[in-house]
Amino acid sequence: MSDHRYEVKVENIFEGPMDLLVYLIHKNEVDIYDIPIALITEQYLEYIDWMKAMNVDFAGDFLLMAATLTQIKSRMLLPIHEGDEADEEDPRLEITRPLVEYLRMKSAAERLALRPILGEDTFTRAPGKAEIEPDPEDGFIQVSLFDLIDAFQRIIENMPGEHGVDFDTERFSIKDKIAYIIEMLEEKGSVTFTDLFARNAEKEEMIATFLALLEMGKLGLVRITQHVQSGTIRLFYQ
């Protein structure tokens, strides 16, 4: 049975529109107070297109942010008449202010998350199945949906032929690909992102594998991390 209409939900595992903006700002190494709004808007809309094509069910606030960015971009293109410079507020402040506040709240939340949790960090974990887990001291951080999209784009771009992507995976089952990834992880404990994609695989098969990985992330079957220094994305079995 074909499952090319398989839907991947973003909720609870991936980030929201503010996280995408922060990701793009870091990726382009730009100042949050001097955002190149045309570039960021263009890239933001590209990610939206990718998520739509992958049938990722994202919240409407992604589209609201896209509309806001487009509006700011249009306002930036309007001519400023002589004498109005002092009274004209930078349109980008409409997005800079909430971004700064968002980063402040996120930082506070991360500090709270480091506090011991009764029953989880206070007591010794009961003996059970040995697991291979990423060690924060080794420089691993949690990967985002946007990191995965970037990594997959690079793989597609390195393939011969046209780089266009059609996420209709009629000939390959997402469920079968989930089973394939689980089998790899049970055998090796962890694998790199690129290990999932055979060099001779068809583009359609690679897309099915990528969608399977997103679904596994939603289900909490894998922990997806990225090494800070090398940038290598690695999957660990949960």
C-alpha atoms as a PDB file:
ATOM      1  CA  MET A   1       0.000   0.000   0.000  1.00  0.00           C
ATOM      2  CA  SER A   2       1.437   3.376  -0.965  1.00  0.00           C
ATOM      3  CA  ASP A   3       1.808   6.010   1.783  1.00  0.00           C
ATOM      4  CA  HIS A   4       3.022   8.920  -0.348  1.00  0.00           C
ATOM      5  CA  ARG A   5       0.463  11.128   1.439  1.00  0.00           C
ATOM      6  CA  TYR A   6       2.128  10.431   4.775  1.00  0.00           C
ATOM      7  CA  GLU A   7       1.908  13.507   6.994  1.00  0.00           C
ATOM      8  CA  VAL A   8       4.658  14.550   9.417  1.00  0.00           C
ATOM      9  CA  LYS A   9       3.577  16.773  12.295  1.00  0.00           C
ATOM     10  CA  VAL A  10       6.016  19.369  13.658  1.00  0.00           C
ATOM     11  CA  GLU A  11       4.423  19.766  17.082  1.00  0.00           C
ATOM     12  CA  ASN A  12       6.534  18.981  20.167  1.00  0.00           C
ATOM     13  CA  ILE A  13       9.683  17.966  18.296  1.00  0.00           C
ATOM     14  CA  PHE A  14      10.647  20.799  16.003  1.00  0.00           C
ATOM     15  CA  GLU A  15      10.730  24.551  16.333  1.00  0.00           C
ATOM     16  CA  GLY A  16       8.466  27.432  15.495  1.00  0.00           C
ATOM     17  CA  PRO A  17       8.836  30.504  13.283  1.00  0.00           C
ATOM     18  CA  MET A  18      11.004  32.380  15.786  1.00  0.00           C
ATOM     19  CA  ASP A  19      13.429  29.460  15.874  1.00  0.00           C
ATOM     20  CA  LEU A  20      13.627  29.504  12.082  1.00  0.00           C
ATOM     21  CA  LEU A  21      14.462  33.214  12.138  1.00  0.00           C
ATOM     22  CA  VAL A  22      17.149  32.677  14.782  1.00  0.00           C
ATOM     23  CA  TYR A  23      18.514  29.771  12.725  1.00  0.00           C
ATOM     24  CA  LEU A  24      18.749  31.920   9.581  1.00  0.00           C
ATOM     25  CA  ILE A  25      20.385  34.790  11.474  1.00  0.00           C
ATOM     26  CA  HIS A  26      23.050  32.434  12.838  1.00  0.00           C
ATOM     27  CA  LYS A  27      23.453  30.672   9.510  1.00  0.00           C
ATOM     28  CA  ASN A  28      24.069  33.943   7.678  1.00  0.00           C
ATOM     29  CA  GLU A  29      26.158  35.351  10.547  1.00  0.00           C
ATOM     30  CA  VAL A  30      24.260  38.651  10.611  1.00  0.00           C
ATOM     31  CA  ASP A  31      23.531  41.111  13.416  1.00  0.00           C
ATOM     32  CA  ILE A  32      20.067  40.740  14.928  1.00  0.00           C
ATOM     33  CA  TYR A  33      19.866  44.562  14.994  1.00  0.00           C
ATOM     34  CA  ASP A  34      20.839  44.849  11.325  1.00  0.00           C
ATOM     35  CA  ILE A  35      18.938  42.024   9.631  1.00  0.00           C
ATOM     36  CA  PRO A  36      19.230  41.869   5.817  1.00  0.00           C
ATOM     37  CA  ILE A  37      15.480  41.533   5.539  1.00  0.00           C
ATOM     38  CA  ALA A  38      15.348  40.716   1.812  1.00  0.00           C
ATOM     39  CA  LEU A  39      17.792  37.797   2.193  1.00  0.00           C
ATOM     40  CA  ILE A  40      16.195  36.440   5.369  1.00  0.00           C
ATOM     41  CA  THR A  41      12.683  36.715   3.902  1.00  0.00           C
ATOM     42  CA  GLU A  42      13.743  34.855   0.749  1.00  0.00           C
ATOM     43  CA  GLN A  43      15.367  32.046   2.723  1.00  0.00           C
ATOM     44  CA  TYR A  44      12.459  31.863   5.173  1.00  0.00           C
ATOM     45  CA  LEU A  45       9.993  31.400   2.305  1.00  0.00           C
ATOM     46  CA  GLU A  46      12.229  28.684   0.823  1.00  0.00           C
ATOM     47  CA  TYR A  47      12.039  26.706   4.089  1.00  0.00           C
ATOM     48  CA  ILE A  48       8.258  27.137   4.125  1.00  0.00           C
ATOM     49  CA  ASP A  49       8.127  25.733   0.591  1.00  0.00           C
ATOM     50  CA  TRP A  50      10.248  22.748   1.655  1.00  0.00           C
ATOM     51  CA  MET A  51       8.009  21.993   4.620  1.00  0.00           C
ATOM     52  CA  LYS A  52       4.917  22.227   2.424  1.00  0.00           C
ATOM     53  CA  ALA A  53       6.483  19.910  -0.156  1.00  0.00           C
ATOM     54  CA  MET A  54       7.385  17.387   2.573  1.00  0.00           C
ATOM     55  CA  ASN A  55       3.766  17.484   3.800  1.00  0.00           C
ATOM     56  CA  VAL A  56       4.982  18.718   7.165  1.00  0.00           C
ATOM     57  CA  ASP A  57       2.008  19.908   9.194  1.00  0.00           C
ATOM     58  CA  PHE A  58       3.284  23.200  10.631  1.00  0.00           C
ATOM     59  CA  ALA A  59       1.355  25.782  12.616  1.00  0.00           C
ATOM     60  CA  GLY A  60      -0.261  28.796  10.990  1.00  0.00           C
ATOM     61  CA  ASP A  61       2.096  31.159  12.817  1.00  0.00           C
ATOM     62  CA  PHE A  62       4.785  30.149  10.295  1.00  0.00           C
ATOM     63  CA  LEU A  63       2.644  31.695   7.568  1.00  0.00           C
ATOM     64  CA  LEU A  64       1.870  34.726   9.738  1.00  0.00           C
ATOM     65  CA  MET A  65       5.590  35.316  10.192  1.00  0.00           C
ATOM     66  CA  ALA A  66       6.101  34.961   6.437  1.00  0.00           C
ATOM     67  CA  ALA A  67       3.476  37.667   5.863  1.00  0.00           C
ATOM     68  CA  THR A  68       5.143  39.908   8.465  1.00  0.00           C
ATOM     69  CA  LEU A  69       8.562  39.525   6.854  1.00  0.00           C
ATOM     70  CA  THR A  70       7.142  40.228   3.407  1.00  0.00           C
ATOM     71  CA  GLN A  71       5.443  43.363   4.714  1.00  0.00           C
ATOM     72  CA  ILE A  72       8.646  44.598   6.372  1.00  0.00           C
ATOM     73  CA  LYS A  73      10.554  43.914   3.161  1.00  0.00           C
ATOM     74  CA  SER A  74       8.029  46.028   1.217  1.00  0.00           C
ATOM     75  CA  ARG A  75       8.283  48.879   3.715  1.00  0.00           C
ATOM     76  CA  MET A  76      12.080  48.790   3.455  1.00  0.00           C
ATOM     77  CA  LEU A  77      11.762  49.393  -0.292  1.00  0.00           C
ATOM     78  CA  LEU A  78       9.673  52.543   0.127  1.00  0.00           C
ATOM     79  CA  PRO A  79      11.591  55.794  -0.455  1.00  0.00           C
ATOM     80  CA  ILE A  80      12.278  57.969   2.593  1.00  0.00           C
ATOM     81  CA  HIS A  81      11.724  61.653   1.922  1.00  0.00           C
ATOM     82  CA  GLU A  82      14.267  64.172   3.075  1.00  0.00           C
ATOM     83  CA  GLY A  83      13.525  65.363   6.602  1.00  0.00           C
ATOM     84  CA  ASP A  84      11.612  62.233   7.564  1.00  0.00           C
ATOM     85  CA  GLU A  85      14.696  60.191   8.560  1.00  0.00           C
ATOM     86  CA  ALA A  86      14.576  61.230  12.218  1.00  0.00           C
ATOM     87  CA  ASP A  87      10.885  60.381  12.608  1.00  0.00           C
ATOM     88  CA  GLU A  88      10.905  57.155  10.587  1.00  0.00           C
ATOM     89  CA  GLU A  89      11.395  54.039  12.727  1.00  0.00           C
ATOM     90  CA  ASP A  90      13.337  51.181  11.207  1.00  0.00           C
ATOM     91  CA  PRO A  91      10.646  48.700  10.002  1.00  0.00           C
ATOM     92  CA  ARG A  92      12.911  45.820  11.028  1.00  0.00           C
ATOM     93  CA  LEU A  93      12.331  46.670  14.708  1.00  0.00           C
ATOM     94  CA  GLU A  94       8.928  45.032  14.315  1.00  0.00           C
ATOM     95  CA  ILE A  95      10.713  41.696  14.168  1.00  0.00           C
ATOM     96  CA  THR A  96      13.896  42.557  16.103  1.00  0.00           C
ATOM     97  CA  ARG A  97      12.070  43.415  19.348  1.00  0.00           C
ATOM     98  CA  PRO A  98      10.123  40.119  19.628  1.00  0.00           C
ATOM     99  CA  LEU A  99      13.249  38.202  18.561  1.00  0.00           C
ATOM    100  CA  VAL A 100      15.308  39.726  21.382  1.00  0.00           C
ATOM    101  CA  GLU A 101      12.541  38.992  23.890  1.00  0.00           C
ATOM    102  CA  TYR A 102      12.161  35.447  22.559  1.00  0.00           C
ATOM    103  CA  LEU A 103      15.887  34.763  22.942  1.00  0.00           C
ATOM    104  CA  ARG A 104      15.783  36.153  26.476  1.00  0.00           C
ATOM    105  CA  MET A 105      12.906  33.850  27.457  1.00  0.00           C
ATOM    106  CA  LYS A 106      14.482  30.867  25.718  1.00  0.00           C
ATOM    107  CA  SER A 107      17.743  31.426  27.587  1.00  0.00           C
ATOM    108  CA  ALA A 108      15.862  31.548  30.887  1.00  0.00           C
ATOM    109  CA  ALA A 109      13.983  28.346  30.025  1.00  0.00           C
ATOM    110  CA  GLU A 110      17.229  26.558  29.174  1.00  0.00           C
ATOM    111  CA  ARG A 111      18.725  27.558  32.530  1.00  0.00           C
ATOM    112  CA  LEU A 112      15.656  26.182  34.322  1.00  0.00           C
ATOM    113  CA  ALA A 113      15.912  22.950  32.354  1.00  0.00           C
ATOM    114  CA  LEU A 114      19.401  22.365  33.778  1.00  0.00           C
ATOM    115  CA  ARG A 115      18.054  22.179  37.350  1.00  0.00           C
ATOM    116  CA  PRO A 116      17.738  18.662  38.849  1.00  0.00           C
ATOM    117  CA  ILE A 117      14.318  17.053  38.377  1.00  0.00           C
ATOM    118  CA  LEU A 118      13.059  14.918  41.262  1.00  0.00           C
ATOM    119  CA  GLY A 119      13.015  11.277  40.280  1.00  0.00           C
ATOM    120  CA  GLU A 120      14.993  11.889  37.069  1.00  0.00           C
ATOM    121  CA  ASP A 121      18.272  13.529  38.045  1.00  0.00           C
ATOM    122  CA  THR A 122      18.171  13.145  41.833  1.00  0.00           C
ATOM    123  CA  PHE A 123      17.963   9.361  41.995  1.00  0.00           C
ATOM    124  CA  THR A 124      20.104   6.758  40.307  1.00  0.00           C
ATOM    125  CA  ARG A 125      18.621   5.380  37.101  1.00  0.00           C
ATOM    126  CA  ALA A 126      17.393   1.827  37.421  1.00  0.00           C
ATOM    127  CA  PRO A 127      19.561  -0.750  35.639  1.00  0.00           C
ATOM    128  CA  GLY A 128      18.309  -1.642  32.206  1.00  0.00           C
ATOM    129  CA  LYS A 129      19.339  -1.921  28.587  1.00  0.00           C
ATOM    130  CA  ALA A 130      22.637  -0.222  27.873  1.00  0.00           C
ATOM    131  CA  GLU A 131      22.196   2.731  25.547  1.00  0.00           C
ATOM    132  CA  ILE A 132      24.609   4.705  23.449  1.00  0.00           C
ATOM    133  CA  GLU A 133      23.847   8.351  24.131  1.00  0.00           C
ATOM    134  CA  PRO A 134      25.464  11.574  23.012  1.00  0.00           C
ATOM    135  CA  ASP A 135      27.646  13.125  25.694  1.00  0.00           C
ATOM    136  CA  PRO A 136      27.261  16.919  25.935  1.00  0.00           C
ATOM    137  CA  GLU A 137      30.943  17.121  26.857  1.00  0.00           C
ATOM    138  CA  ASP A 138      31.754  15.638  23.457  1.00  0.00           C
ATOM    139  CA  GLY A 139      30.218  18.684  21.782  1.00  0.00           C
ATOM    140  CA  PHE A 140      26.887  17.255  20.628  1.00  0.00           C
ATOM    141  CA  ILE A 141      23.818  19.499  20.424  1.00  0.00           C
ATOM    142  CA  GLN A 142      20.234  18.688  19.500  1.00  0.00           C
ATOM    143  CA  VAL A 143      19.590  19.101  15.795  1.00  0.00           C
ATOM    144  CA  SER A 144      16.681  21.097  14.391  1.00  0.00           C
ATOM    145  CA  LEU A 145      14.345  20.465  11.480  1.00  0.00           C
ATOM    146  CA  PHE A 146      16.116  23.261   9.636  1.00  0.00           C
ATOM    147  CA  ASP A 147      19.527  21.583  10.086  1.00  0.00           C
ATOM    148  CA  LEU A 148      18.046  18.391   8.647  1.00  0.00           C
ATOM    149  CA  ILE A 149      16.588  20.231   5.664  1.00  0.00           C
ATOM    150  CA  ASP A 150      19.969  21.862   4.984  1.00  0.00           C
ATOM    151  CA  ALA A 151      21.774  18.519   5.233  1.00  0.00           C
ATOM    152  CA  PHE A 152      19.282  16.820   2.924  1.00  0.00           C
ATOM    153  CA  GLN A 153      19.479  19.677   0.413  1.00  0.00           C
ATOM    154  CA  ARG A 154      23.259  19.204   0.221  1.00  0.00           C
ATOM    155  CA  ILE A 155      22.841  15.481  -0.461  1.00  0.00           C
ATOM    156  CA  ILE A 156      20.309  16.167  -3.231  1.00  0.00           C
ATOM    157  CA  GLU A 157      22.515  18.873  -4.766  1.00  0.00           C
ATOM    158  CA  ASN A 158      25.451  16.449  -4.945  1.00  0.00           C
ATOM    159  CA  MET A 159      23.408  13.938  -6.907  1.00  0.00           C
ATOM    160  CA  PRO A 160      23.827  13.843 -10.682  1.00  0.00           C
ATOM    161  CA  GLY A 161      21.046  15.233 -12.828  1.00  0.00           C
ATOM    162  CA  GLU A 162      18.419  17.798 -11.953  1.00  0.00           C
ATOM    163  CA  HIS A 163      18.214  19.029  -8.359  1.00  0.00           C
ATOM    164  CA  GLY A 164      14.440  19.442  -8.293  1.00  0.00           C
ATOM    165  CA  VAL A 165      12.693  17.551  -5.491  1.00  0.00           C
ATOM    166  CA  ASP A 166       9.319  15.824  -5.765  1.00  0.00           C
ATOM    167  CA  PHE A 167       8.129  14.469  -2.417  1.00  0.00           C
ATOM    168  CA  ASP A 168       5.644  12.069  -3.971  1.00  0.00           C
ATOM    169  CA  THR A 169       7.042   8.717  -2.775  1.00  0.00           C
ATOM    170  CA  GLU A 170       4.568   6.303  -4.310  1.00  0.00           C
ATOM    171  CA  ARG A 171       7.029   3.477  -4.895  1.00  0.00           C
ATOM    172  CA  PHE A 172       8.590   3.507  -1.428  1.00  0.00           C
ATOM    173  CA  SER A 173       6.881   2.936   1.907  1.00  0.00           C
ATOM    174  CA  ILE A 174       7.664   5.330   4.765  1.00  0.00           C
ATOM    175  CA  LYS A 175       6.931   2.519   7.225  1.00  0.00           C
ATOM    176  CA  ASP A 176       9.440   0.252   5.486  1.00  0.00           C
ATOM    177  CA  LYS A 177      12.062   2.992   5.687  1.00  0.00           C
ATOM    178  CA  ILE A 178      11.380   3.434   9.409  1.00  0.00           C
ATOM    179  CA  ALA A 179      11.992  -0.291   9.851  1.00  0.00           C
ATOM    180  CA  TYR A 180      15.196   0.051   7.789  1.00  0.00           C
ATOM    181  CA  ILE A 181      16.520   2.860  10.008  1.00  0.00           C
ATOM    182  CA  ILE A 182      15.596   0.982  13.203  1.00  0.00           C
ATOM    183  CA  GLU A 183      17.457  -2.086  11.928  1.00  0.00           C
ATOM    184  CA  MET A 184      20.576   0.020  11.284  1.00  0.00           C
ATOM    185  CA  LEU A 185      20.420   1.581  14.735  1.00  0.00           C
ATOM    186  CA  GLU A 186      19.842  -1.747  16.488  1.00  0.00           C
ATOM    187  CA  GLU A 187      22.908  -3.110  14.746  1.00  0.00           C
ATOM    188  CA  LYS A 188      25.238  -0.118  15.194  1.00  0.00           C
ATOM    189  CA  GLY A 189      23.787   1.878  18.087  1.00  0.00           C
ATOM    190  CA  SER A 190      24.202   5.117  16.148  1.00  0.00           C
ATOM    191  CA  VAL A 191      24.662   6.196  12.537  1.00  0.00           C
ATOM    192  CA  THR A 192      25.448   9.441  10.758  1.00  0.00           C
ATOM    193  CA  PHE A 193      22.816  11.220   8.721  1.00  0.00           C
ATOM    194  CA  THR A 194      24.647  10.465   5.473  1.00  0.00           C
ATOM    195  CA  ASP A 195      24.832   6.746   6.366  1.00  0.00           C
ATOM    196  CA  LEU A 196      21.079   6.566   5.795  1.00  0.00           C
ATOM    197  CA  PHE A 197      21.369   7.322   2.102  1.00  0.00           C
ATOM    198  CA  ALA A 198      22.999   4.793  -0.186  1.00  0.00           C
ATOM    199  CA  ARG A 199      25.058   6.363  -2.981  1.00  0.00           C
ATOM    200  CA  ASN A 200      23.207   4.415  -5.662  1.00  0.00           C
ATOM    201  CA  ALA A 201      19.753   5.124  -4.223  1.00  0.00           C
ATOM    202  CA  GLU A 202      17.123   6.819  -6.346  1.00  0.00           C
ATOM    203  CA  LYS A 203      16.079  10.323  -5.356  1.00  0.00           C
ATOM    204  CA  GLU A 204      12.544   9.116  -4.599  1.00  0.00           C
ATOM    205  CA  GLU A 205      13.901   6.478  -2.217  1.00  0.00           C
ATOM    206  CA  MET A 206      16.112   9.038  -0.469  1.00  0.00           C
ATOM    207  CA  ILE A 207      13.098  11.304   0.039  1.00  0.00           C
ATOM    208  CA  ALA A 208      11.146   8.423   1.600  1.00  0.00           C
ATOM    209  CA  THR A 209      14.066   7.780   3.968  1.00  0.00           C
ATOM    210  CA  PHE A 210      14.202  11.449   4.926  1.00  0.00           C
ATOM    211  CA  LEU A 211      10.463  11.564   5.639  1.00  0.00           C
ATOM    212  CA  ALA A 212      10.801   8.379   7.700  1.00  0.00           C
ATOM    213  CA  LEU A 213      13.481  10.057   9.797  1.00  0.00           C
ATOM    214  CA  LEU A 214      11.222  13.045  10.463  1.00  0.00           C
ATOM    215  CA  GLU A 215       8.428  10.730  11.580  1.00  0.00           C
ATOM    216  CA  MET A 216      10.814   8.849  13.874  1.00  0.00           C
ATOM    217  CA  GLY A 217      11.817  12.155  15.425  1.00  0.00           C
ATOM    218  CA  LYS A 218       8.165  12.974  16.071  1.00  0.00           C
ATOM    219  CA  LEU A 219       7.600   9.570  17.664  1.00  0.00           C
ATOM    220  CA  GLY A 220      10.708   9.903  19.830  1.00  0.00           C
ATOM    221  CA  LEU A 221      12.318   6.787  18.339  1.00  0.00           C
ATOM    222  CA  VAL A 222      15.625   8.523  17.655  1.00  0.00           C
ATOM    223  CA  ARG A 223      17.705  11.268  19.160  1.00  0.00           C
ATOM    224  CA  ILE A 224      19.146  13.438  16.412  1.00  0.00           C
ATOM    225  CA  THR A 225      22.272  15.402  17.315  1.00  0.00           C
ATOM    226  CA  GLN A 226      24.956  17.470  15.616  1.00  0.00           C
ATOM    227  CA  HIS A 227      28.607  17.757  16.552  1.00  0.00           C
ATOM    228  CA  VAL A 228      29.482  21.382  17.263  1.00  0.00           C
ATOM    229  CA  GLN A 229      32.917  21.312  15.629  1.00  0.00           C
ATOM    230  CA  SER A 230      32.522  18.921  12.694  1.00  0.00           C
ATOM    231  CA  GLY A 231      28.847  19.624  11.960  1.00  0.00           C
ATOM    232  CA  THR A 232      28.224  15.877  11.584  1.00  0.00           C
ATOM    233  CA  ILE A 233      24.610  14.895  12.244  1.00  0.00           C
ATOM    234  CA  ARG A 234      24.280  11.605  14.111  1.00  0.00           C
ATOM    235  CA  LEU A 235      21.275   9.490  15.080  1.00  0.00           C
ATOM    236  CA  PHE A 236      21.135   7.627  18.398  1.00  0.00           C
ATOM    237  CA  TYR A 237      18.617   4.907  19.187  1.00  0.00           C
ATOM    238  CA  GLN A 238      16.206   5.934  21.971  1.00  0.00           C
END
